Amino acid sequence: MQVYFDNAATTKILPEAAKLMVNVMAEKYGNPSSASVLGIEADNVLKDAAKTVAGLINAKPEEVYFTSGGTESDNWAVFGSARGYAKSGRHMLYTSVEHPAVNRPFEVLKDEGYDIESIGVDSKGYIDIEELKAKIRKDTIFAGVILINNETGTIQDIEKIGKAVKEANPNTLFFVDAVQAFGKYKIDVKKCGIDMLSASGHKFNGPRGTGIFYMRKGLKVKPLMYGGGQQSNQRPGTENVAGAAAAAFAAAESYRDIKGNTERVREIKRYLAEKILSEIPDTFINGDSIEKASPYVLNIGFLGLRSEVLLHALESEGIFVSAGSACNSKKKVRSGVLSAMGKTDSEIEGSIRISFSRFSTMEEAEYCFEKLKSQVSVLRRFNRKR
């Protein structure tokens, strides 16, 4: 049996989305900027895709841009805001548990003289909203918060945070990294006061190499690149029409039964987490409780074990999970997220991330637990003999 529980890293594309993508590439292959019939057809596909995405987050179609992925969208938000609002201020805020696609651009800006400040989190990964509010100044041009953490599944109170940001300074841009949330969590950009938002197609069963960037109309955020006038002069380059169409289709499908999906996945997570905690000694959850964190992410630690060893042991049983962010796993980088939450080296060393999709099954969870229990027992016995 093969069990894929690494959906926070990437998801399998929907067959219908893949079929749509191929169809658009074969039948709607005109350049969207062309005035020909084929060009107009392609442009209409793009417009329909933007309309679909906009409807899911209560935005306007003209506020939706298609990118190459979450990393580009995150970079656009950070660098674009810094360049576009430098005259208004150079103070920018972000949380200590952001994805590398957000915190690394800030390292670059810091070297360029920007005043960059991070907001710490508690032991469950939540920011102190009052601390964030207190740190916003007249010259604070940007405040960025990850909605659902990619390593722990901790869900920030975005509506409350957005309100706090705008109360402290109505001119501060509020950016939300929704890469792990989009398609799994209802988001209303207007209600939450969100100025910019990022999403990635392959996280909600769309194609890799596709991303979404919401930017409220009227902002002075600068483009990342310069060239032609595509996407309202904001994102040059001939558009990936097929990718946008497939991503929009997958997005709509992911929201079709979001309540039912959430309940089913939480039941699977609850079963697996409770079985591990009750039957495997020296285990613990990183982040908030099963009921409060995202049902799609379970970060769990095994004291006395190394995560990479456990990953390979599970892989030998046909089970695929990960150790924290997939962006860092191959580099063996110590989890900055768990460190920010106050976890010790030994706790971090033995932590793995199990992440589900709406297609995950209870049968897979049962198989995963049995093999996990067996492998942990063997590995701990081996460690004691050494």
Foldseek 3Di string as FASTA:
>chain_A
DAAEQALLQFAAADPVLVVLLVCCVVPLVDFCVDPDPSNVSLVVLLLVLLPLVCVQAVHDSLQKDKFQFQLQQLLLVVQQQCVQCVVQAQEEEEALQDDCSNVVSVVVSVVVPGRYDYFFAALQQEGDLVVVLVPDDRRYAEYEYEQARSFAQAGYPQQVSLVSNCVSPVRHAYEYECQLPQLQHRHHCVSSVHQKYKYGQRSQNADRRIIMMGGHPPGRGAAPDADDCPSNNRYDDRDSSSRSSSSSVSRSVSPPCNVVLQVQLLVLLVVLVVCCPVPPPPKDWRHDDSVRGRSFKTKMFHFPDACVVLQVQVVVVNYHWFQGHPVCGVVPDQNSSSVSNVDDPRRSRGITMGGDHSPGDSVSSVSSNVSSRVVSVVVNVVSVVD
